[in-house]
PDB file of N, CA and C in Angstrom:
ATOM      1  N   MET A   1       7.193 -16.583  51.827  1.00  0.00           N
ATOM      2  CA  MET A   1       7.622 -15.218  51.191  1.00  0.00           C
ATOM      3  C   MET A   1       7.912 -15.719  49.897  1.00  0.00           C
ATOM      4  N   MET A   2       8.171 -17.141  49.229  1.00  0.00           N
ATOM      5  CA  MET A   2       8.204 -17.165  48.431  1.00  0.00           C
ATOM      6  C   MET A   2       7.210 -17.271  46.719  1.00  0.00           C
ATOM      7  N   GLY A   3       6.610 -17.382  47.791  1.00  0.00           N
ATOM      8  CA  GLY A   3       4.846 -16.929  48.000  1.00  0.00           C
ATOM      9  C   GLY A   3       4.599 -16.259  47.287  1.00  0.00           C
ATOM     10  N   LYS A   4       4.809 -15.212  47.925  1.00  0.00           N
ATOM     11  CA  LYS A   4       4.416 -13.724  47.730  1.00  0.00           C
ATOM     12  C   LYS A   4       5.291 -13.132  46.628  1.00  0.00           C
ATOM     13  N   VAL A   5       6.549 -13.723  46.540  1.00  0.00           N
ATOM     14  CA  VAL A   5       7.150 -13.309  45.641  1.00  0.00           C
ATOM     15  C   VAL A   5       6.955 -13.770  44.516  1.00  0.00           C
ATOM     16  N   GLU A   6       6.496 -15.067  43.725  1.00  0.00           N
ATOM     17  CA  GLU A   6       5.934 -15.484  43.011  1.00  0.00           C
ATOM     18  C   GLU A   6       4.480 -14.359  42.187  1.00  0.00           C
ATOM     19  N   GLY A   7       4.209 -14.161  43.357  1.00  0.00           N
ATOM     20  CA  GLY A   7       3.052 -13.626  43.222  1.00  0.00           C
ATOM     21  C   GLY A   7       2.664 -12.065  42.848  1.00  0.00           C
ATOM     22  N   LEU A   8       3.914 -11.306  43.149  1.00  0.00           N
ATOM     23  CA  LEU A   8       4.472 -10.294  42.735  1.00  0.00           C
ATOM     24  C   LEU A   8       4.478 -10.894  41.217  1.00  0.00           C
ATOM     25  N   LEU A   9       5.669 -11.160  41.102  1.00  0.00           N
ATOM     26  CA  LEU A   9       6.535 -11.775  40.146  1.00  0.00           C
ATOM     27  C   LEU A   9       5.343 -11.683  38.814  1.00  0.00           C
ATOM     28  N   GLN A  10       4.338 -12.512  39.240  1.00  0.00           N
ATOM     29  CA  GLN A  10       2.903 -13.024  38.634  1.00  0.00           C
ATOM     30  C   GLN A  10       2.501 -11.813  38.134  1.00  0.00           C
ATOM     31  N   THR A  11       2.073 -11.071  38.683  1.00  0.00           N
ATOM     32  CA  THR A  11       1.652  -9.914  39.191  1.00  0.00           C
ATOM     33  C   THR A  11       2.498  -8.708  37.688  1.00  0.00           C
ATOM     34  N   VAL A  12       2.893  -8.043  37.654  1.00  0.00           N
ATOM     35  CA  VAL A  12       4.341  -7.750  36.969  1.00  0.00           C
ATOM     36  C   VAL A  12       4.086  -8.407  35.553  1.00  0.00           C
ATOM     37  N   SER A  13       4.865  -9.944  35.631  1.00  0.00           N
ATOM     38  CA  SER A  13       4.402 -10.726  34.287  1.00  0.00           C
ATOM     39  C   SER A  13       3.056  -9.789  33.167  1.00  0.00           C
ATOM     40  N   ASP A  14       1.867  -9.941  34.211  1.00  0.00           N
ATOM     41  CA  ASP A  14       0.742  -9.788  33.626  1.00  0.00           C
ATOM     42  C   ASP A  14       0.331  -7.954  33.561  1.00  0.00           C
ATOM     43  N   ASP A  15       0.955  -7.713  33.768  1.00  0.00           N
ATOM     44  CA  ASP A  15       1.005  -6.022  33.392  1.00  0.00           C
ATOM     45  C   ASP A  15       2.016  -5.859  31.988  1.00  0.00           C
ATOM     46  N   VAL A  16       3.038  -6.249  31.872  1.00  0.00           N
ATOM     47  CA  VAL A  16       3.716  -6.375  30.977  1.00  0.00           C
ATOM     48  C   VAL A  16       3.008  -6.837  29.871  1.00  0.00           C
ATOM     49  N   ASN A  17       2.937  -8.154  29.964  1.00  0.00           N
ATOM     50  CA  ASN A  17       2.300  -8.338  28.818  1.00  0.00           C
ATOM     51  C   ASN A  17       0.820  -7.597  28.627  1.00  0.00           C
ATOM     52  N   ARG A  18      -0.300  -7.464  29.761  1.00  0.00           N
ATOM     53  CA  ARG A  18      -0.876  -5.219  29.002  1.00  0.00           C
ATOM     54  C   ARG A  18      -0.556  -5.053  28.087  1.00  0.00           C
ATOM     55  N   ILE A  19       0.360  -4.513  28.594  1.00  0.00           N
ATOM     56  CA  ILE A  19       1.275  -3.536  28.096  1.00  0.00           C
ATOM     57  C   ILE A  19       2.317  -3.374  26.940  1.00  0.00           C
ATOM     58  N   TYR A  20       2.402  -4.923  26.721  1.00  0.00           N
ATOM     59  CA  TYR A  20       2.716  -4.946  25.441  1.00  0.00           C
ATOM     60  C   TYR A  20       1.489  -5.165  24.340  1.00  0.00           C
ATOM     61  N   LYS A  21       0.185  -5.905  24.443  1.00  0.00           N
ATOM     62  CA  LYS A  21      -0.441  -5.795  24.215  1.00  0.00           C
ATOM     63  C   LYS A  21      -1.209  -4.191  23.478  1.00  0.00           C
ATOM     64  N   GLU A  22      -1.756  -3.660  24.235  1.00  0.00           N
ATOM     65  CA  GLU A  22      -2.677  -2.573  24.429  1.00  0.00           C
ATOM     66  C   GLU A  22      -1.657  -1.879  23.237  1.00  0.00           C
ATOM     67  N   SER A  23      -0.015  -1.557  23.452  1.00  0.00           N
ATOM     68  CA  SER A  23       1.375  -0.805  22.547  1.00  0.00           C
ATOM     69  C   SER A  23       0.927  -1.551  21.408  1.00  0.00           C
ATOM     70  N   LEU A  24       0.680  -2.906  21.296  1.00  0.00           N
ATOM     71  CA  LEU A  24       0.800  -3.261  20.158  1.00  0.00           C
ATOM     72  C   LEU A  24      -0.965  -2.677  19.603  1.00  0.00           C
ATOM     73  N   ASP A  25      -1.517  -2.708  19.999  1.00  0.00           N
ATOM     74  CA  ASP A  25      -3.107  -2.648  19.940  1.00  0.00           C
ATOM     75  C   ASP A  25      -3.289  -0.590  18.519  1.00  0.00           C
ATOM     76  N   ALA A  26      -1.983   0.056  19.830  1.00  0.00           N
ATOM     77  CA  ALA A  26      -2.337   1.911  19.351  1.00  0.00           C
ATOM     78  C   ALA A  26      -1.143   1.769  18.163  1.00  0.00           C
ATOM     79  N   ASN A  27      -0.488   0.525  17.651  1.00  0.00           N
ATOM     80  CA  ASN A  27       0.759   0.803  16.574  1.00  0.00           C
ATOM     81  C   ASN A  27      -0.360   0.622  15.364  1.00  0.00           C
ATOM     82  N   GLU A  28      -1.542  -0.595  15.829  1.00  0.00           N
ATOM     83  CA  GLU A  28      -2.035  -0.530  14.436  1.00  0.00           C
ATOM     84  C   GLU A  28      -2.445  -0.030  14.072  1.00  0.00           C
ATOM     85  N   THR A  29      -3.189   0.779  15.285  1.00  0.00           N
ATOM     86  CA  THR A  29      -4.569   2.215  14.711  1.00  0.00           C
ATOM     87  C   THR A  29      -3.586   3.363  14.703  1.00  0.00           C
ATOM     88  N   PHE A  30      -2.401   3.764  14.730  1.00  0.00           N
ATOM     89  CA  PHE A  30      -1.460   4.559  13.835  1.00  0.00           C
ATOM     90  C   PHE A  30      -1.213   4.230  12.936  1.00  0.00           C
ATOM     91  N   LEU A  31      -0.731   3.001  12.300  1.00  0.00           N
ATOM     92  CA  LEU A  31      -0.794   2.312  11.100  1.00  0.00           C
ATOM     93  C   LEU A  31      -1.943   2.577   9.704  1.00  0.00           C
ATOM     94  N   ALA A  32      -2.988   2.211  10.795  1.00  0.00           N
ATOM     95  CA  ALA A  32      -4.346   2.358   9.346  1.00  0.00           C
ATOM     96  C   ALA A  32      -4.290   3.480   9.726  1.00  0.00           C
ATOM     97  N   ALA A  33      -4.446   4.607  10.805  1.00  0.00           N
ATOM     98  CA  ALA A  33      -4.707   5.861  10.269  1.00  0.00           C
ATOM     99  C   ALA A  33      -3.075   6.509   9.150  1.00  0.00           C
ATOM    100  N   LEU A  34      -1.746   6.076   9.390  1.00  0.00           N
ATOM    101  CA  LEU A  34      -1.031   6.045   8.822  1.00  0.00           C
ATOM    102  C   LEU A  34      -1.647   6.443   7.063  1.00  0.00           C
ATOM    103  N   ASP A  35      -1.627   4.638   6.588  1.00  0.00           N
ATOM    104  CA  ASP A  35      -2.225   4.457   5.263  1.00  0.00           C
ATOM    105  C   ASP A  35      -3.265   5.614   5.163  1.00  0.00           C
ATOM    106  N   ASP A  36      -4.338   5.534   5.323  1.00  0.00           N
ATOM    107  CA  ASP A  36      -5.456   6.892   4.587  1.00  0.00           C
ATOM    108  C   ASP A  36      -4.901   8.154   5.179  1.00  0.00           C
ATOM    109  N   VAL A  37      -4.143   8.524   5.373  1.00  0.00           N
ATOM    110  CA  VAL A  37      -3.178   9.642   5.436  1.00  0.00           C
ATOM    111  C   VAL A  37      -2.761   9.747   4.105  1.00  0.00           C
ATOM    112  N   ALA A  38      -1.691   8.646   3.400  1.00  0.00           N
ATOM    113  CA  ALA A  38      -1.417   8.404   2.289  1.00  0.00           C
ATOM    114  C   ALA A  38      -1.988   8.398   1.198  1.00  0.00           C
ATOM    115  N   ALA A  39      -2.855   7.784   2.036  1.00  0.00           N
ATOM    116  CA  ALA A  39      -3.819   7.387   0.446  1.00  0.00           C
ATOM    117  C   ALA A  39      -4.282   8.191  -0.121  1.00  0.00           C
ATOM    118  N   ASN A  40      -4.838   9.658   0.518  1.00  0.00           N
ATOM    119  CA  ASN A  40      -5.579  10.733   0.360  1.00  0.00           C
ATOM    120  C   ASN A  40      -4.143  11.859  -0.300  1.00  0.00           C
ATOM    121  N   VAL A  41      -2.897  11.619   0.643  1.00  0.00           N
ATOM    122  CA  VAL A  41      -2.133  12.397   0.034  1.00  0.00           C
ATOM    123  C   VAL A  41      -1.533  12.039  -1.722  1.00  0.00           C
ATOM    124  N   LEU A  42      -1.893  10.733  -1.951  1.00  0.00           N
ATOM    125  CA  LEU A  42      -1.462  10.116  -2.935  1.00  0.00           C
ATOM    126  C   LEU A  42      -2.908  10.957  -4.287  1.00  0.00           C
ATOM    127  N   ALA A  43      -3.876  10.890  -3.995  1.00  0.00           N
ATOM    128  CA  ALA A  43      -4.996  10.965  -4.262  1.00  0.00           C
ATOM    129  C   ALA A  43      -5.345  12.264  -4.762  1.00  0.00           C
ATOM    130  N   LEU A  44      -4.897  13.266  -3.577  1.00  0.00           N
ATOM    131  CA  LEU A  44      -5.064  15.046  -4.596  1.00  0.00           C
ATOM    132  C   LEU A  44      -3.375  14.634  -4.671  1.00  0.00           C
ATOM    133  N   GLN A  45      -2.236  14.303  -4.907  1.00  0.00           N
ATOM    134  CA  GLN A  45      -1.207  14.607  -5.576  1.00  0.00           C
ATOM    135  C   GLN A  45      -1.935  14.073  -7.141  1.00  0.00           C
ATOM    136  N   SER A  46      -2.327  12.736  -7.298  1.00  0.00           N
ATOM    137  CA  SER A  46      -2.426  12.499  -9.213  1.00  0.00           C
ATOM    138  C   SER A  46      -3.551  13.758  -9.601  1.00  0.00           C
ATOM    139  N   LEU A  47      -5.064  14.220  -8.931  1.00  0.00           N
ATOM    140  CA  LEU A  47      -5.423  15.629  -9.110  1.00  0.00           C
ATOM    141  C   LEU A  47      -4.718  16.929  -9.434  1.00  0.00           C
ATOM    142  N   VAL A  48      -4.052  16.825  -8.446  1.00  0.00           N
ATOM    143  CA  VAL A  48      -2.852  18.369  -8.578  1.00  0.00           C
ATOM    144  C   VAL A  48      -2.156  17.403  -9.775  1.00  0.00           C
ATOM    145  N   ALA A  49      -1.764  17.030 -10.423  1.00  0.00           N
ATOM    146  CA  ALA A  49      -0.980  16.538 -10.931  1.00  0.00           C
ATOM    147  C   ALA A  49      -1.170  16.314 -13.033  1.00  0.00           C
ATOM    148  N   THR A  50      -2.788  16.446 -12.331  1.00  0.00           N
ATOM    149  CA  THR A  50      -3.864  16.402 -13.892  1.00  0.00           C
ATOM    150  C   THR A  50      -3.986  17.522 -14.285  1.00  0.00           C
ATOM    151  N   LEU A  51      -4.067  18.198 -12.842  1.00  0.00           N
ATOM    152  CA  LEU A  51      -4.649  19.496 -13.170  1.00  0.00           C
ATOM    153  C   LEU A  51      -3.008  20.746 -13.766  1.00  0.00           C
ATOM    154  N   LEU A  52      -2.118  20.320 -13.685  1.00  0.00           N
ATOM    155  CA  LEU A  52      -1.717  21.045 -13.326  1.00  0.00           C
ATOM    156  C   LEU A  52      -1.313  20.683 -15.322  1.00  0.00           C
ATOM    157  N   LYS A  53      -1.761  19.990 -16.074  1.00  0.00           N
ATOM    158  CA  LYS A  53      -1.001  19.429 -17.419  1.00  0.00           C
ATOM    159  C   LYS A  53      -2.511  20.300 -18.336  1.00  0.00           C
ATOM    160  N   THR A  54      -3.466  20.445 -17.439  1.00  0.00           N
ATOM    161  CA  THR A  54      -3.650  21.718 -18.646  1.00  0.00           C
ATOM    162  C   THR A  54      -3.950  23.219 -17.855  1.00  0.00           C
ATOM    163  N   TYR A  55      -3.459  23.314 -16.909  1.00  0.00           N
ATOM    164  CA  TYR A  55      -2.977  25.248 -16.206  1.00  0.00           C
ATOM    165  C   TYR A  55      -1.700  24.819 -15.441  1.00  0.00           C
ATOM    166  N   PRO A  56      -0.981  25.207 -16.605  1.00  0.00           N
ATOM    167  CA  PRO A  56       0.657  24.771 -16.028  1.00  0.00           C
ATOM    168  C   PRO A  56       1.006  25.996 -14.963  1.00  0.00           C
ATOM    169  N   VAL A  57       1.433  25.815 -14.427  1.00  0.00           N
ATOM    170  CA  VAL A  57       2.314  26.894 -12.669  1.00  0.00           C
ATOM    171  C   VAL A  57       3.427  26.962 -12.884  1.00  0.00           C
ATOM    172  N   GLU A  58       4.111  27.846 -12.743  1.00  0.00           N
ATOM    173  CA  GLU A  58       5.448  28.452 -12.585  1.00  0.00           C
ATOM    174  C   GLU A  58       6.340  27.365 -11.108  1.00  0.00           C
ATOM    175  N   GLY A  59       7.803  26.421 -11.728  1.00  0.00           N
ATOM    176  CA  GLY A  59       7.797  26.249 -10.536  1.00  0.00           C
ATOM    177  C   GLY A  59       8.423  27.030  -9.050  1.00  0.00           C
ATOM    178  N   ASP A  60       9.247  27.399  -9.655  1.00  0.00           N
ATOM    179  CA  ASP A  60       9.509  28.791  -8.981  1.00  0.00           C
ATOM    180  C   ASP A  60       8.569  29.704  -8.113  1.00  0.00           C
ATOM    181  N   ALA A  61       7.475  29.856  -9.091  1.00  0.00           N
ATOM    182  CA  ALA A  61       5.880  30.642  -7.939  1.00  0.00           C
ATOM    183  C   ALA A  61       5.995  29.966  -7.093  1.00  0.00           C
ATOM    184  N   ALA A  62       5.878  28.655  -7.017  1.00  0.00           N
ATOM    185  CA  ALA A  62       5.298  27.432  -6.189  1.00  0.00           C
ATOM    186  C   ALA A  62       6.302  27.387  -5.032  1.00  0.00           C
ATOM    187  N   LYS A  63       8.116  27.675  -5.931  1.00  0.00           N
ATOM    188  CA  LYS A  63       8.695  27.016  -4.455  1.00  0.00           C
ATOM    189  C   LYS A  63       9.011  29.016  -3.921  1.00  0.00           C
ATOM    190  N   GLY A  64       8.454  29.811  -4.412  1.00  0.00           N
ATOM    191  CA  GLY A  64       8.600  30.761  -3.461  1.00  0.00           C
ATOM    192  C   GLY A  64       7.707  31.474  -2.728  1.00  0.00           C
ATOM    193  N   TRP A  65       6.182  30.777  -3.187  1.00  0.00           N
ATOM    194  CA  TRP A  65       5.326  30.537  -2.012  1.00  0.00           C
ATOM    195  C   TRP A  65       5.544  30.014  -0.746  1.00  0.00           C
ATOM    196  N   LEU A  66       5.946  29.137  -1.006  1.00  0.00           N
ATOM    197  CA  LEU A  66       6.596  27.592   0.191  1.00  0.00           C
ATOM    198  C   LEU A  66       7.569  27.962   1.117  1.00  0.00           C
ATOM    199  N   ARG A  67       9.100  29.196   0.410  1.00  0.00           N
ATOM    200  CA  ARG A  67       9.272  29.568   1.177  1.00  0.00           C
ATOM    201  C   ARG A  67       8.869  30.742   1.608  1.00  0.00           C
ATOM    202  N   ALA A  68       7.858  31.780   1.966  1.00  0.00           N
ATOM    203  CA  ALA A  68       7.087  32.714   2.019  1.00  0.00           C
ATOM    204  C   ALA A  68       6.608  31.825   3.351  1.00  0.00           C
ATOM    205  N   ASN A  69       5.889  30.816   2.999  1.00  0.00           N
ATOM    206  CA  ASN A  69       4.724  30.588   4.451  1.00  0.00           C
ATOM    207  C   ASN A  69       5.319  29.205   5.302  1.00  0.00           C
ATOM    208  N   MET A  70       6.731  29.242   4.907  1.00  0.00           N
ATOM    209  CA  MET A  70       6.919  27.700   5.514  1.00  0.00           C
ATOM    210  C   MET A  70       8.313  27.959   6.570  1.00  0.00           C
ATOM    211  N   ASP A  71       8.561  28.185   7.597  1.00  0.00           N
ATOM    212  CA  ASP A  71       9.306  27.902   8.601  1.00  0.00           C
ATOM    213  C   ASP A  71      10.968  27.858   7.340  1.00  0.00           C
ATOM    214  N   VAL A  72      12.204  28.455   6.966  1.00  0.00           N
ATOM    215  CA  VAL A  72      13.132  27.942   6.133  1.00  0.00           C
ATOM    216  C   VAL A  72      14.118  27.069   6.779  1.00  0.00           C
ATOM    217  N   GLU A  73      14.048  27.584   8.145  1.00  0.00           N
ATOM    218  CA  GLU A  73      15.152  26.612   9.175  1.00  0.00           C
ATOM    219  C   GLU A  73      14.171  25.738   9.338  1.00  0.00           C
ATOM    220  N   GLY A  74      13.387  25.093   9.203  1.00  0.00           N
ATOM    221  CA  GLY A  74      12.736  24.297  10.059  1.00  0.00           C
ATOM    222  C   GLY A  74      12.856  22.967   8.909  1.00  0.00           C
ATOM    223  N   GLN A  75      12.295  21.828   9.093  1.00  0.00           N
ATOM    224  CA  GLN A  75      12.251  20.854   8.093  1.00  0.00           C
ATOM    225  C   GLN A  75      10.998  20.996   7.533  1.00  0.00           C
ATOM    226  N   GLY A  76      11.135  20.158   6.620  1.00  0.00           N
ATOM    227  CA  GLY A  76      10.035  20.138   5.169  1.00  0.00           C
ATOM    228  C   GLY A  76      10.009  20.720   4.156  1.00  0.00           C
ATOM    229  N   LEU A  77      11.003  22.265   4.569  1.00  0.00           N
ATOM    230  CA  LEU A  77      11.040  22.473   2.790  1.00  0.00           C
ATOM    231  C   LEU A  77      11.705  22.004   1.328  1.00  0.00           C
ATOM    232  N   GLU A  78      12.931  21.137   1.639  1.00  0.00           N
ATOM    233  CA  GLU A  78      13.017  20.514   0.510  1.00  0.00           C
ATOM    234  C   GLU A  78      12.160  19.310   0.069  1.00  0.00           C
ATOM    235  N   LYS A  79      11.612  19.552   1.147  1.00  0.00           N
ATOM    236  CA  LYS A  79      10.410  17.709   0.842  1.00  0.00           C
ATOM    237  C   LYS A  79       9.530  18.274  -0.157  1.00  0.00           C
ATOM    238  N   ALA A  80       9.212  19.327  -0.235  1.00  0.00           N
ATOM    239  CA  ALA A  80       8.197  19.724   0.186  1.00  0.00           C
ATOM    240  C   ALA A  80       8.596  20.515  -1.583  1.00  0.00           C
ATOM    241  N   GLU A  81       9.877  21.116  -1.207  1.00  0.00           N
ATOM    242  CA  GLU A  81      10.362  22.172  -3.379  1.00  0.00           C
ATOM    243  C   GLU A  81      10.476  20.424  -4.235  1.00  0.00           C
ATOM    244  N   ALA A  82      10.746  19.480  -3.600  1.00  0.00           N
ATOM    245  CA  ALA A  82      11.152  18.395  -4.690  1.00  0.00           C
ATOM    246  C   ALA A  82       9.186  17.798  -4.885  1.00  0.00           C
ATOM    247  N   VAL A  83       8.146  17.997  -4.095  1.00  0.00           N
ATOM    248  CA  VAL A  83       7.078  17.141  -4.117  1.00  0.00           C
ATOM    249  C   VAL A  83       6.185  18.012  -5.435  1.00  0.00           C
ATOM    250  N   VAL A  84       7.225  19.685  -5.664  1.00  0.00           N
ATOM    251  CA  VAL A  84       6.695  20.764  -6.294  1.00  0.00           C
ATOM    252  C   VAL A  84       7.289  20.500  -7.639  1.00  0.00           C
ATOM    253  N   ASP A  85       8.588  19.879  -7.871  1.00  0.00           N
ATOM    254  CA  ASP A  85       9.277  18.897  -8.871  1.00  0.00           C
ATOM    255  C   ASP A  85       8.328  18.260  -9.494  1.00  0.00           C
ATOM    256  N   PHE A  86       7.935  17.210  -8.247  1.00  0.00           N
ATOM    257  CA  PHE A  86       7.236  15.702  -8.808  1.00  0.00           C
ATOM    258  C   PHE A  86       6.209  16.539  -9.749  1.00  0.00           C
ATOM    259  N   LEU A  87       5.498  16.895  -9.217  1.00  0.00           N
ATOM    260  CA  LEU A  87       4.339  17.165  -9.674  1.00  0.00           C
ATOM    261  C   LEU A  87       4.033  18.499 -10.827  1.00  0.00           C
ATOM    262  N   LEU A  88       5.390  18.609 -11.187  1.00  0.00           N
ATOM    263  CA  LEU A  88       6.298  19.536 -12.795  1.00  0.00           C
ATOM    264  C   LEU A  88       6.418  18.148 -13.739  1.00  0.00           C
ATOM    265  N   GLY A  89       7.073  17.492 -13.026  1.00  0.00           N
ATOM    266  CA  GLY A  89       7.484  16.492 -13.921  1.00  0.00           C
ATOM    267  C   GLY A  89       8.647  16.648 -13.779  1.00  0.00           C
ATOM    268  N   LYS A  90       9.230  17.072 -12.767  1.00  0.00           N
ATOM    269  CA  LYS A  90      11.356  17.761 -12.918  1.00  0.00           C
ATOM    270  C   LYS A  90      11.615  17.213 -12.013  1.00  0.00           C
ATOM    271  N   GLY A  91      10.956  15.797 -11.151  1.00  0.00           N
ATOM    272  CA  GLY A  91      11.925  15.098 -10.506  1.00  0.00           C
ATOM    273  C   GLY A  91      11.132  13.547 -10.400  1.00  0.00           C
TER     274      GLY A  91
END
């Protein structure tokens, strides 16, 4: 009986270790993808900020576009407006 319990405990232990390793691998893959997204966003922000120096836009017009095209009760509007200010050198 004890041998059977030990065998079951070993199986559970092996399964927990396998799940842990898979979780670590998935997290590493996710973090690498997130790093790629961040690099792309920063590159695009640098290009837009450079273009805005040559072709200025009205911040209120950009924010109006955001309000018209985003869910104003949802998440992200304040952050998006803050990015507009940042890109226009006001934040």
